[in-house]
C-alpha atoms as a PDB file:
ATOM      1  CA  MET A   1      23.946 -37.567  78.203  1.00  0.00           C
ATOM      2  CA  GLN A   2      22.635 -35.637  74.658  1.00  0.00           C
ATOM      3  CA  LYS A   3      23.931 -31.136  75.123  1.00  0.00           C
ATOM      4  CA  MET A   4      21.032 -29.016  75.353  1.00  0.00           C
ATOM      5  CA  PRO A   5      21.173 -26.355  73.449  1.00  0.00           C
ATOM      6  CA  TYR A   6      21.804 -22.845  73.980  1.00  0.00           C
ATOM      7  CA  ILE A   7      19.556 -20.267  72.778  1.00  0.00           C
ATOM      8  CA  ARG A   8      20.308 -16.522  73.049  1.00  0.00           C
ATOM      9  CA  LEU A   9      17.739 -14.323  72.303  1.00  0.00           C
ATOM     10  CA  ALA A  10      17.578 -10.723  72.065  1.00  0.00           C
ATOM     11  CA  ILE A  11      14.817  -8.499  73.606  1.00  0.00           C
ATOM     12  CA  VAL A  12      15.303  -5.081  72.352  1.00  0.00           C
ATOM     13  CA  ASP A  13      14.518  -1.786  74.847  1.00  0.00           C
ATOM     14  CA  PHE A  14      14.155   0.716  72.291  1.00  0.00           C
ATOM     15  CA  PRO A  15      12.864   3.781  72.889  1.00  0.00           C
ATOM     16  CA  GLY A  16       8.766   3.325  74.083  1.00  0.00           C
ATOM     17  CA  ALA A  17       8.862   0.291  75.137  1.00  0.00           C
ATOM     18  CA  GLN A  18       6.614  -1.784  77.948  1.00  0.00           C
ATOM     19  CA  GLN A  19       8.601  -2.196  79.947  1.00  0.00           C
ATOM     20  CA  SER A  20       6.043  -5.304  81.402  1.00  0.00           C
ATOM     21  CA  ALA A  21       6.733  -7.087  77.872  1.00  0.00           C
ATOM     22  CA  LEU A  22      10.539  -6.746  78.182  1.00  0.00           C
ATOM     23  CA  LEU A  23      10.993  -8.365  82.287  1.00  0.00           C
ATOM     24  CA  GLY A  24       7.963 -10.497  81.088  1.00  0.00           C
ATOM     25  CA  LEU A  25       9.417 -11.723  78.690  1.00  0.00           C
ATOM     26  CA  ALA A  26      13.023 -12.937  80.437  1.00  0.00           C
ATOM     27  CA  ASP A  27      10.942 -14.238  82.954  1.00  0.00           C
ATOM     28  CA  LEU A  28       9.322 -16.866  81.080  1.00  0.00           C
ATOM     29  CA  PHE A  29      11.916 -18.186  79.640  1.00  0.00           C
ATOM     30  CA  ALA A  30      13.948 -18.350  83.039  1.00  0.00           C
ATOM     31  CA  LEU A  31      11.056 -20.235  84.136  1.00  0.00           C
ATOM     32  CA  LEU A  32      11.219 -23.439  81.547  1.00  0.00           C
ATOM     33  CA  PRO A  33      14.259 -24.807  83.258  1.00  0.00           C
ATOM     34  CA  ARG A  34      11.689 -25.456  86.330  1.00  0.00           C
ATOM     35  CA  LEU A  35       8.870 -27.260  84.389  1.00  0.00           C
ATOM     36  CA  ALA A  36      10.991 -29.474  82.814  1.00  0.00           C
ATOM     37  CA  ASP A  37      11.574 -33.246  84.109  1.00  0.00           C
ATOM     38  CA  GLY A  38      14.360 -33.274  82.926  1.00  0.00           C
ATOM     39  CA  PRO A  39      16.723 -31.628  80.052  1.00  0.00           C
ATOM     40  CA  VAL A  40      15.851 -29.008  77.701  1.00  0.00           C
ATOM     41  CA  PRO A  41      17.808 -26.003  75.626  1.00  0.00           C
ATOM     42  CA  THR A  42      18.115 -22.896  77.931  1.00  0.00           C
ATOM     43  CA  LEU A  43      16.579 -20.490  76.618  1.00  0.00           C
ATOM     44  CA  SER A  44      19.397 -17.312  77.869  1.00  0.00           C
ATOM     45  CA  ALA A  45      17.431 -13.818  77.312  1.00  0.00           C
ATOM     46  CA  THR A  46      18.877 -10.228  77.432  1.00  0.00           C
ATOM     47  CA  ILE A  47      17.719  -7.050  77.653  1.00  0.00           C
ATOM     48  CA  VAL A  48      19.388  -4.891  75.114  1.00  0.00           C
ATOM     49  CA  SER A  49      19.634  -1.129  74.946  1.00  0.00           C
ATOM     50  CA  PRO A  50      19.769   0.988  71.745  1.00  0.00           C
ATOM     51  CA  ASP A  51      22.815   2.399  73.647  1.00  0.00           C
ATOM     52  CA  ALA A  52      24.546  -0.817  74.027  1.00  0.00           C
ATOM     53  CA  LEU A  53      24.425  -2.516  71.291  1.00  0.00           C
ATOM     54  CA  PRO A  54      26.207  -6.183  71.648  1.00  0.00           C
ATOM     55  CA  ALA A  55      28.138  -7.085  68.431  1.00  0.00           C
ATOM     56  CA  ARG A  56      27.387 -11.121  68.911  1.00  0.00           C
ATOM     57  CA  VAL A  57      25.014 -12.445  66.959  1.00  0.00           C
ATOM     58  CA  PHE A  58      21.956 -14.087  69.184  1.00  0.00           C
ATOM     59  CA  ASP A  59      19.200 -16.867  67.609  1.00  0.00           C
ATOM     60  CA  ALA A  60      16.494 -14.719  67.498  1.00  0.00           C
ATOM     61  CA  ILE A  61      15.797 -10.501  68.562  1.00  0.00           C
ATOM     62  CA  LEU A  62      12.702  -9.757  70.032  1.00  0.00           C
ATOM     63  CA  LEU A  63      10.757  -6.643  69.435  1.00  0.00           C
ATOM     64  CA  PRO A  64       8.475  -6.272  72.064  1.00  0.00           C
ATOM     65  CA  PRO A  65       5.429  -3.554  72.285  1.00  0.00           C
ATOM     66  CA  SER A  66       4.986  -0.217  72.905  1.00  0.00           C
ATOM     67  CA  ILE A  67       2.548   2.033  74.777  1.00  0.00           C
ATOM     68  CA  GLN A  68       4.385   5.117  74.439  1.00  0.00           C
ATOM     69  CA  GLY A  69       3.306   5.435  70.722  1.00  0.00           C
ATOM     70  CA  THR A  70       6.717   5.740  69.534  1.00  0.00           C
ATOM     71  CA  PHE A  71       7.397   4.851  66.248  1.00  0.00           C
ATOM     72  CA  PRO A  72      11.323   4.359  64.434  1.00  0.00           C
ATOM     73  CA  ALA A  73      12.886   7.395  62.616  1.00  0.00           C
ATOM     74  CA  PRO A  74      14.183   5.845  59.192  1.00  0.00           C
ATOM     75  CA  ASP A  75      18.302   7.080  59.924  1.00  0.00           C
ATOM     76  CA  ASP A  76      18.167   4.775  63.719  1.00  0.00           C
ATOM     77  CA  PRO A  77      21.249   3.133  64.628  1.00  0.00           C
ATOM     78  CA  LEU A  78      18.815   0.126  66.027  1.00  0.00           C
ATOM     79  CA  LEU A  79      17.489  -0.403  61.985  1.00  0.00           C
ATOM     80  CA  ALA A  80      21.091  -1.573  60.864  1.00  0.00           C
ATOM     81  CA  TRP A  81      21.732  -4.079  64.122  1.00  0.00           C
ATOM     82  CA  ILE A  82      18.130  -5.758  63.567  1.00  0.00           C
ATOM     83  CA  ARG A  83      19.571  -5.451  59.225  1.00  0.00           C
ATOM     84  CA  GLY A  84      22.564  -6.961  60.544  1.00  0.00           C
ATOM     85  CA  GLN A  85      20.957  -9.766  62.838  1.00  0.00           C
ATOM     86  CA  HIS A  86      18.517 -11.294  60.497  1.00  0.00           C
ATOM     87  CA  ASP A  87      21.364 -11.024  57.744  1.00  0.00           C
ATOM     88  CA  ARG A  88      23.718 -13.273  59.887  1.00  0.00           C
ATOM     89  CA  GLY A  89      20.625 -15.683  60.819  1.00  0.00           C
ATOM     90  CA  ALA A  90      18.175 -14.271  63.661  1.00  0.00           C
ATOM     91  CA  MET A  91      15.356 -14.952  63.324  1.00  0.00           C
ATOM     92  CA  ALA A  92      13.375 -11.221  64.163  1.00  0.00           C
ATOM     93  CA  CYS A  93      10.543 -11.371  65.860  1.00  0.00           C
ATOM     94  CA  SER A  94       8.233  -8.432  66.917  1.00  0.00           C
ATOM     95  CA  VAL A  95       4.994  -7.524  69.150  1.00  0.00           C
ATOM     96  CA  CYS A  96       2.288  -4.680  68.365  1.00  0.00           C
ATOM     97  CA  ALA A  97       4.319  -2.016  67.492  1.00  0.00           C
ATOM     98  CA  GLY A  98       7.750  -4.103  67.161  1.00  0.00           C
ATOM     99  CA  ALA A  99       6.433  -4.599  63.945  1.00  0.00           C
ATOM    100  CA  PHE A 100       7.171  -1.150  62.713  1.00  0.00           C
ATOM    101  CA  TRP A 101      10.599  -1.281  63.774  1.00  0.00           C
ATOM    102  CA  LEU A 102      10.818  -5.290  61.530  1.00  0.00           C
ATOM    103  CA  ALA A 103       9.644  -3.092  58.887  1.00  0.00           C
ATOM    104  CA  GLU A 104      11.292  -0.004  58.126  1.00  0.00           C
ATOM    105  CA  ALA A 105      14.906  -2.544  58.237  1.00  0.00           C
ATOM    106  CA  GLY A 106      13.141  -3.541  55.638  1.00  0.00           C
ATOM    107  CA  LEU A 107      12.275  -7.046  56.793  1.00  0.00           C
ATOM    108  CA  LEU A 108       9.162  -7.786  56.390  1.00  0.00           C
ATOM    109  CA  SER A 109       8.250  -6.369  52.637  1.00  0.00           C
ATOM    110  CA  GLY A 110       6.510  -8.590  50.283  1.00  0.00           C
ATOM    111  CA  ARG A 111       6.331 -10.743  53.578  1.00  0.00           C
ATOM    112  CA  PRO A 112       2.544 -11.729  55.749  1.00  0.00           C
ATOM    113  CA  ALA A 113       2.682  -9.826  59.174  1.00  0.00           C
ATOM    114  CA  THR A 114       0.561  -8.669  61.482  1.00  0.00           C
ATOM    115  CA  THR A 115       0.772  -5.885  64.763  1.00  0.00           C
ATOM    116  CA  HIS A 116      -1.875  -4.022  66.703  1.00  0.00           C
ATOM    117  CA  TRP A 117      -5.375  -4.012  64.828  1.00  0.00           C
ATOM    118  CA  ALA A 118      -5.592  -0.705  66.389  1.00  0.00           C
ATOM    119  CA  LEU A 119      -2.225   0.063  64.134  1.00  0.00           C
ATOM    120  CA  GLU A 120      -4.023  -1.441  60.969  1.00  0.00           C
ATOM    121  CA  ASP A 121      -4.436   1.780  59.218  1.00  0.00           C
ATOM    122  CA  ARG A 122      -0.860   3.363  60.197  1.00  0.00           C
ATOM    123  CA  PHE A 123       1.187   0.438  59.064  1.00  0.00           C
ATOM    124  CA  ARG A 124      -0.879  -0.012  56.170  1.00  0.00           C
ATOM    125  CA  ALA A 125      -0.731   3.785  54.891  1.00  0.00           C
ATOM    126  CA  THR A 126       2.942   3.449  56.224  1.00  0.00           C
ATOM    127  CA  TYR A 127       4.905   0.506  54.940  1.00  0.00           C
ATOM    128  CA  PRO A 128       1.835  -0.506  51.762  1.00  0.00           C
ATOM    129  CA  ASP A 129       3.946  -3.594  50.814  1.00  0.00           C
ATOM    130  CA  VAL A 130       3.794  -5.560  53.699  1.00  0.00           C
ATOM    131  CA  ASP A 131       1.061  -8.170  53.400  1.00  0.00           C
ATOM    132  CA  LEU A 132      -0.385  -6.876  56.958  1.00  0.00           C
ATOM    133  CA  ARG A 133      -2.584  -9.149  58.167  1.00  0.00           C
ATOM    134  CA  PRO A 134      -4.712  -7.936  61.936  1.00  0.00           C
ATOM    135  CA  ASP A 135      -6.934 -10.499  62.270  1.00  0.00           C
ATOM    136  CA  HIS A 136      -3.532 -13.251  63.123  1.00  0.00           C
ATOM    137  CA  ILE A 137      -2.828 -12.945  66.806  1.00  0.00           C
ATOM    138  CA  LEU A 138       1.230 -14.280  65.744  1.00  0.00           C
ATOM    139  CA  ILE A 139       2.263 -14.895  61.499  1.00  0.00           C
ATOM    140  CA  ASN A 140       5.137 -17.293  61.477  1.00  0.00           C
ATOM    141  CA  ASP A 141       6.950 -16.647  58.355  1.00  0.00           C
ATOM    142  CA  LEU A 142       9.568 -18.750  59.271  1.00  0.00           C
ATOM    143  CA  ASP A 143      12.949 -16.159  59.693  1.00  0.00           C
ATOM    144  CA  VAL A 144       9.951 -13.366  61.080  1.00  0.00           C
ATOM    145  CA  VAL A 145       7.478 -13.833  63.409  1.00  0.00           C
ATOM    146  CA  THR A 146       5.197 -11.406  63.881  1.00  0.00           C
ATOM    147  CA  ALA A 147       2.723 -11.038  67.281  1.00  0.00           C
ATOM    148  CA  GLY A 148      -0.736  -8.466  67.716  1.00  0.00           C
ATOM    149  CA  GLY A 149      -1.816  -6.987  70.820  1.00  0.00           C
ATOM    150  CA  LEU A 150       0.348  -5.253  73.983  1.00  0.00           C
ATOM    151  CA  MET A 151      -0.340  -8.794  75.656  1.00  0.00           C
ATOM    152  CA  ALA A 152       1.089 -10.831  73.142  1.00  0.00           C
ATOM    153  CA  TRP A 153       4.285 -11.238  74.299  1.00  0.00           C
ATOM    154  CA  LEU A 154       3.107 -14.077  75.602  1.00  0.00           C
ATOM    155  CA  ASP A 155       1.756 -15.829  72.395  1.00  0.00           C
ATOM    156  CA  LEU A 156       5.258 -15.119  70.615  1.00  0.00           C
ATOM    157  CA  GLY A 157       6.781 -16.393  74.198  1.00  0.00           C
ATOM    158  CA  LEU A 158       4.832 -19.455  73.966  1.00  0.00           C
ATOM    159  CA  PHE A 159       5.560 -19.927  70.159  1.00  0.00           C
ATOM    160  CA  LEU A 160       9.576 -19.798  71.134  1.00  0.00           C
ATOM    161  CA  THR A 161       9.077 -22.159  73.772  1.00  0.00           C
ATOM    162  CA  GLY A 162       7.899 -24.306  71.525  1.00  0.00           C
ATOM    163  CA  HIS A 163       9.856 -23.556  68.512  1.00  0.00           C
ATOM    164  CA  TRP A 164      13.195 -24.392  70.592  1.00  0.00           C
ATOM    165  CA  CYS A 165      12.266 -27.179  73.269  1.00  0.00           C
ATOM    166  CA  GLY A 166       8.548 -28.675  71.916  1.00  0.00           C
ATOM    167  CA  PRO A 167       4.987 -28.493  72.249  1.00  0.00           C
ATOM    168  CA  ASP A 168       4.857 -30.295  76.454  1.00  0.00           C
ATOM    169  CA  MET A 169       7.030 -27.613  77.773  1.00  0.00           C
ATOM    170  CA  VAL A 170       4.823 -25.025  75.744  1.00  0.00           C
ATOM    171  CA  SER A 171       1.889 -27.211  77.571  1.00  0.00           C
ATOM    172  CA  ARG A 172       3.691 -27.417  80.531  1.00  0.00           C
ATOM    173  CA  LEU A 173       4.202 -23.118  80.450  1.00  0.00           C
ATOM    174  CA  ALA A 174       0.761 -22.076  79.316  1.00  0.00           C
ATOM    175  CA  ARG A 175      -0.452 -24.695  82.790  1.00  0.00           C
ATOM    176  CA  HIS A 176       1.637 -22.942  85.154  1.00  0.00           C
ATOM    177  CA  LEU A 177       1.138 -19.342  83.859  1.00  0.00           C
ATOM    178  CA  LEU A 178      -3.003 -20.424  83.591  1.00  0.00           C
ATOM    179  CA  ILE A 179      -3.321 -19.011  79.938  1.00  0.00           C
ATOM    180  CA  ASP A 180      -4.951 -20.981  76.981  1.00  0.00           C
ATOM    181  CA  PRO A 181      -2.568 -20.374  73.826  1.00  0.00           C
ATOM    182  CA  ALA A 182      -4.750 -22.184  71.204  1.00  0.00           C
ATOM    183  CA  GLY A 183      -7.448 -20.498  69.212  1.00  0.00           C
ATOM    184  CA  ARG A 184      -7.581 -16.756  69.782  1.00  0.00           C
ATOM    185  CA  GLU A 185      -7.077 -14.631  66.986  1.00  0.00           C
ATOM    186  CA  GLN A 186      -7.800 -10.540  66.726  1.00  0.00           C
ATOM    187  CA  ARG A 187     -11.133 -10.663  65.503  1.00  0.00           C
ATOM    188  CA  HIS A 188     -12.156 -11.712  68.284  1.00  0.00           C
ATOM    189  CA  TYR A 189     -10.597  -8.582  70.585  1.00  0.00           C
ATOM    190  CA  ALA A 190     -11.060  -6.164  67.579  1.00  0.00           C
ATOM    191  CA  THR A 191     -13.912  -3.632  67.764  1.00  0.00           C
ATOM    192  CA  PHE A 192     -15.719  -1.150  65.700  1.00  0.00           C
ATOM    193  CA  ARG A 193     -14.445   2.463  65.045  1.00  0.00           C
ATOM    194  CA  PRO A 194     -15.637   3.725  61.991  1.00  0.00           C
ATOM    195  CA  ASN A 195     -13.516   7.043  60.761  1.00  0.00           C
ATOM    196  CA  ARG A 196     -15.811  10.469  61.782  1.00  0.00           C
ATOM    197  CA  THR A 197     -12.868  12.618  61.288  1.00  0.00           C
ATOM    198  CA  HIS A 198     -13.344  12.821  57.873  1.00  0.00           C
ATOM    199  CA  GLY A 199     -14.418  16.005  56.877  1.00  0.00           C
ATOM    200  CA  ASP A 200     -17.542  14.747  54.600  1.00  0.00           C
ATOM    201  CA  ALA A 201     -20.628  16.503  55.981  1.00  0.00           C
ATOM    202  CA  ALA A 202     -22.960  14.817  53.925  1.00  0.00           C
ATOM    203  CA  VAL A 203     -21.601  11.243  54.651  1.00  0.00           C
ATOM    204  CA  LEU A 204     -21.046  11.843  58.398  1.00  0.00           C
ATOM    205  CA  ARG A 205     -24.928  12.112  57.687  1.00  0.00           C
ATOM    206  CA  SER A 206     -25.729   8.946  57.095  1.00  0.00           C
ATOM    207  CA  GLN A 207     -23.917   7.565  59.709  1.00  0.00           C
ATOM    208  CA  ARG A 208     -25.894   9.269  62.313  1.00  0.00           C
ATOM    209  CA  ARG A 209     -28.928   7.735  61.081  1.00  0.00           C
ATOM    210  CA  MET A 210     -27.411   4.264  60.759  1.00  0.00           C
ATOM    211  CA  ASP A 211     -25.939   5.228  64.279  1.00  0.00           C
ATOM    212  CA  ARG A 212     -29.597   5.663  65.524  1.00  0.00           C
ATOM    213  CA  ASP A 213     -31.404   3.346  62.747  1.00  0.00           C
ATOM    214  CA  HIS A 214     -29.373   0.619  62.695  1.00  0.00           C
ATOM    215  CA  ALA A 215     -31.768  -1.943  63.869  1.00  0.00           C
ATOM    216  CA  ALA A 216     -34.306  -0.554  60.866  1.00  0.00           C
ATOM    217  CA  ALA A 217     -34.726  -1.148  57.251  1.00  0.00           C
ATOM    218  CA  LEU A 218     -32.610   1.264  56.009  1.00  0.00           C
ATOM    219  CA  PRO A 219     -31.980   1.091  51.919  1.00  0.00           C
ATOM    220  CA  LEU A 220     -29.368   2.698  50.093  1.00  0.00           C
ATOM    221  CA  ARG A 221     -32.060   5.033  48.901  1.00  0.00           C
ATOM    222  CA  ASP A 222     -32.936   5.950  52.151  1.00  0.00           C
ATOM    223  CA  LEU A 223     -29.695   6.801  52.924  1.00  0.00           C
ATOM    224  CA  ALA A 224     -28.353   8.822  50.054  1.00  0.00           C
ATOM    225  CA  GLU A 225     -31.176  10.586  50.614  1.00  0.00           C
ATOM    226  CA  THR A 226     -30.034  11.846  54.335  1.00  0.00           C
ATOM    227  CA  SER A 227     -26.998  11.968  53.098  1.00  0.00           C
ATOM    228  CA  GLY A 228     -28.481  14.831  50.155  1.00  0.00           C
ATOM    229  CA  LEU A 229     -26.611  12.821  47.823  1.00  0.00           C
ATOM    230  CA  SER A 230     -28.036  10.879  44.288  1.00  0.00           C
ATOM    231  CA  LEU A 231     -27.470   7.255  44.850  1.00  0.00           C
ATOM    232  CA  ARG A 232     -24.234   6.388  42.739  1.00  0.00           C
ATOM    233  CA  THR A 233     -22.097   9.351  44.025  1.00  0.00           C
ATOM    234  CA  PHE A 234     -23.038   8.416  47.644  1.00  0.00           C
ATOM    235  CA  GLN A 235     -21.681   5.308  47.485  1.00  0.00           C
ATOM    236  CA  ARG A 236     -18.707   6.023  45.933  1.00  0.00           C
ATOM    237  CA  ARG A 237     -17.714   8.963  48.637  1.00  0.00           C
ATOM    238  CA  PHE A 238     -18.873   6.958  51.105  1.00  0.00           C
ATOM    239  CA  HIS A 239     -16.411   4.681  50.670  1.00  0.00           C
ATOM    240  CA  THR A 240     -14.007   6.827  50.478  1.00  0.00           C
ATOM    241  CA  ALA A 241     -14.961   8.204  53.541  1.00  0.00           C
ATOM    242  CA  THR A 242     -15.360   5.565  55.789  1.00  0.00           C
ATOM    243  CA  GLY A 243     -13.045   2.491  53.997  1.00  0.00           C
ATOM    244  CA  LEU A 244     -16.241   0.641  53.731  1.00  0.00           C
ATOM    245  CA  ALA A 245     -19.744  -0.036  51.566  1.00  0.00           C
ATOM    246  CA  PRO A 246     -22.634   1.493  52.927  1.00  0.00           C
ATOM    247  CA  ALA A 247     -23.710  -2.093  53.603  1.00  0.00           C
ATOM    248  CA  SER A 248     -20.687  -3.741  54.759  1.00  0.00           C
ATOM    249  CA  TYR A 249     -20.481  -0.961  57.135  1.00  0.00           C
ATOM    250  CA  LEU A 250     -23.893  -1.216  58.519  1.00  0.00           C
ATOM    251  CA  LYS A 251     -23.089  -4.758  59.058  1.00  0.00           C
ATOM    252  CA  ALA A 252     -20.387  -3.978  61.281  1.00  0.00           C
ATOM    253  CA  LEU A 253     -21.754  -1.709  63.164  1.00  0.00           C
ATOM    254  CA  ARG A 254     -24.852  -4.249  64.415  1.00  0.00           C
ATOM    255  CA  ILE A 255     -22.571  -6.712  64.816  1.00  0.00           C
ATOM    256  CA  GLU A 256     -20.772  -4.568  67.135  1.00  0.00           C
ATOM    257  CA  LYS A 257     -23.692  -3.351  68.927  1.00  0.00           C
ATOM    258  CA  ALA A 258     -24.588  -6.689  69.194  1.00  0.00           C
ATOM    259  CA  ARG A 259     -21.517  -7.524  71.022  1.00  0.00           C
ATOM    260  CA  GLY A 260     -21.825  -5.160  73.603  1.00  0.00           C
ATOM    261  CA  ARG A 261     -25.153  -6.516  74.645  1.00  0.00           C
ATOM    262  CA  LEU A 262     -23.723 -10.146  74.265  1.00  0.00           C
ATOM    263  CA  GLU A 263     -20.947  -8.897  77.006  1.00  0.00           C
ATOM    264  CA  ARG A 264     -23.262  -7.361  79.281  1.00  0.00           C
ATOM    265  CA  SER A 265     -26.556  -8.666  79.097  1.00  0.00           C
ATOM    266  CA  SER A 266     -28.582 -12.037  79.843  1.00  0.00           C
ATOM    267  CA  GLU A 267     -30.809 -11.274  76.745  1.00  0.00           C
ATOM    268  CA  ASN A 268     -30.708 -14.892  74.433  1.00  0.00           C
ATOM    269  CA  ILE A 269     -29.502 -14.567  71.279  1.00  0.00           C
ATOM    270  CA  ALA A 270     -32.533 -14.260  68.941  1.00  0.00           C
ATOM    271  CA  THR A 271     -33.158 -11.369  71.318  1.00  0.00           C
ATOM    272  CA  VAL A 272     -29.500  -9.596  70.499  1.00  0.00           C
ATOM    273  CA  ALA A 273     -30.031 -10.504  67.092  1.00  0.00           C
ATOM    274  CA  TRP A 274     -34.261  -8.513  67.021  1.00  0.00           C
ATOM    275  CA  SER A 275     -32.351  -5.853  68.685  1.00  0.00           C
ATOM    276  CA  VAL A 276     -29.796  -4.923  66.219  1.00  0.00           C
ATOM    277  CA  GLY A 277     -31.850  -4.922  62.728  1.00  0.00           C
ATOM    278  CA  TYR A 278     -31.503  -9.093  62.382  1.00  0.00           C
ATOM    279  CA  HIS A 279     -34.906 -11.294  62.274  1.00  0.00           C
ATOM    280  CA  ASP A 280     -33.313 -14.362  61.418  1.00  0.00           C
ATOM    281  CA  SER A 281     -31.240 -15.351  63.574  1.00  0.00           C
ATOM    282  CA  ALA A 282     -29.009 -18.169  61.575  1.00  0.00           C
ATOM    283  CA  ALA A 283     -28.061 -15.105  59.298  1.00  0.00           C
ATOM    284  CA  PHE A 284     -26.681 -13.232  62.859  1.00  0.00           C
ATOM    285  CA  ALA A 285     -24.979 -15.927  63.637  1.00  0.00           C
ATOM    286  CA  ARG A 286     -23.292 -16.400  59.517  1.00  0.00           C
ATOM    287  CA  ALA A 287     -22.509 -12.239  60.206  1.00  0.00           C
ATOM    288  CA  PHE A 288     -21.618 -12.364  63.443  1.00  0.00           C
ATOM    289  CA  ARG A 289     -18.655 -14.802  63.028  1.00  0.00           C
ATOM    290  CA  GLU A 290     -18.025 -13.672  59.780  1.00  0.00           C
ATOM    291  CA  ILE A 291     -16.608 -10.523  61.422  1.00  0.00           C
ATOM    292  CA  THR A 292     -15.661 -11.924  64.761  1.00  0.00           C
ATOM    293  CA  GLY A 293     -14.688 -15.447  64.121  1.00  0.00           C
ATOM    294  CA  LEU A 294     -16.801 -16.614  66.947  1.00  0.00           C
ATOM    295  CA  THR A 295     -19.750 -17.442  66.897  1.00  0.00           C
ATOM    296  CA  PRO A 296     -22.654 -15.181  69.401  1.00  0.00           C
ATOM    297  CA  GLY A 297     -22.526 -17.950  72.436  1.00  0.00           C
ATOM    298  CA  ALA A 298     -18.714 -18.823  71.888  1.00  0.00           C
ATOM    299  CA  TYR A 299     -18.345 -14.585  72.199  1.00  0.00           C
ATOM    300  CA  ARG A 300     -20.954 -14.584  74.560  1.00  0.00           C
ATOM    301  CA  LYS A 301     -18.623 -17.146  77.145  1.00  0.00           C
ATOM    302  CA  ARG A 302     -15.282 -15.638  76.468  1.00  0.00           C
ATOM    303  CA  PHE A 303     -16.344 -12.080  76.562  1.00  0.00           C
ATOM    304  CA  ARG A 304     -19.589 -12.002  79.039  1.00  0.00           C
ATOM    305  CA  MET A 305     -19.322  -9.639  82.154  1.00  0.00           C
ATOM    306  CA  SER A 306     -20.170 -10.971  85.415  1.00  0.00           C
ATOM    307  CA  ALA A 307     -23.792 -10.285  87.174  1.00  0.00           C
ATOM    308  CA  PRO A 308     -25.081  -9.390  83.505  1.00  0.00           C
ATOM    309  CA  ALA A 309     -28.422  -7.378  83.650  1.00  0.00           C
ATOM    310  CA  SER A 310     -30.698  -6.691  81.211  1.00  0.00           C
ATOM    311  CA  LEU A 311     -30.841  -3.953  78.397  1.00  0.00           C
ATOM    312  CA  PRO A 312     -33.756  -1.883  77.228  1.00  0.00           C
ATOM    313  CA  GLY A 313     -35.721  -1.849  74.442  1.00  0.00           C
ATOM    314  CA  SER A 314     -34.771  -5.144  73.022  1.00  0.00           C
ATOM    315  CA  GLN A 315     -37.982  -7.401  73.530  1.00  0.00           C
ATOM    316  CA  PRO A 316     -39.445  -9.264  70.784  1.00  0.00           C
ATOM    317  CA  PRO A 317     -42.351 -11.110  69.533  1.00  0.00           C
ATOM    318  CA  SER A 318     -42.063 -14.533  70.568  1.00  0.00           C
ATOM    319  CA  PRO A 319     -41.580 -16.702  67.594  1.00  0.00           C
ATOM    320  CA  LEU A 320     -39.443 -14.254  65.383  1.00  0.00           C
ATOM    321  CA  PRO A 321     -41.643 -13.029  62.397  1.00  0.00           C
ATOM    322  CA  GLU A 322     -40.187 -15.517  59.424  1.00  0.00           C
ATOM    323  CA  ARG A 323     -39.102 -12.766  57.221  1.00  0.00           C
ATOM    324  CA  PRO A 324     -35.753 -11.921  55.929  1.00  0.00           C
ATOM    325  CA  ALA A 325     -32.950  -9.934  57.825  1.00  0.00           C
ATOM    326  CA  PRO A 326     -32.761  -6.304  57.018  1.00  0.00           C
ATOM    327  CA  ARG A 327     -30.854  -5.650  53.536  1.00  0.00           C
ATOM    328  CA  ILE A 328     -29.715  -2.450  52.326  1.00  0.00           C
END
């Protein structure tokens, strides 16, 4: 009989680590022998404390999420241990804020990686040499694997199961846990959270105009007039303050409004498109998919709340008039 590999995994209980992820990963790997119909590799998970770091080499080290907003200090002894494990052949893995520990240890420089979408700005500012791709739930870069959101430890657990035990065990595990392992991206879940604390009062006036009149045609000149700036100055300062061009900002705002209506109402998609400023359903669908990665219908199917109610102020003429979507 072929001898099955014995895989040693270290799950690091760093300060602020999400305890449900620590224990959940350990439980997930412990399930595998029970679900198999024959011999499978043993994935032995050890929860490691930074106060007692083992000298032995692991096959993989896992940095879980953090829900307490704790980040590594440059002189933390745990960083040297992480580097040493990786140098001696361990796969380095992280979930959510765990990526900050891998980056601080120098393991992500020049490499693709992901973290929680809400941490994107901080991560980019702190580690500009990392090829951050926050749209992705999981990025496999061979000896380094990073996963995104707080619950993406499930995605990492499924990935490591497949890496050592094969796709059949991934399918068995996913069915047992009642989770769908396929087709997930962070942009399906990320929300548009525009910066309003930039301190530029002129830009903020234009942002509030967009909030109020997002369904109307908003030419650049009108927005510049609202801000009290010249057109060129408005465009420059708007991008500096928000990180987006006015047209991109307005599109993201409209799609965010549409997401809410798709989640909470039973309105048809043409009505939703009309309510956020798109008078062409095809243009709306293209813009929606560009930002969320899903069609409006697929988004509603995945995220619709129970017992949806109609939202006020959204009854368009029928049929929709044939005119292009408002542009700025």
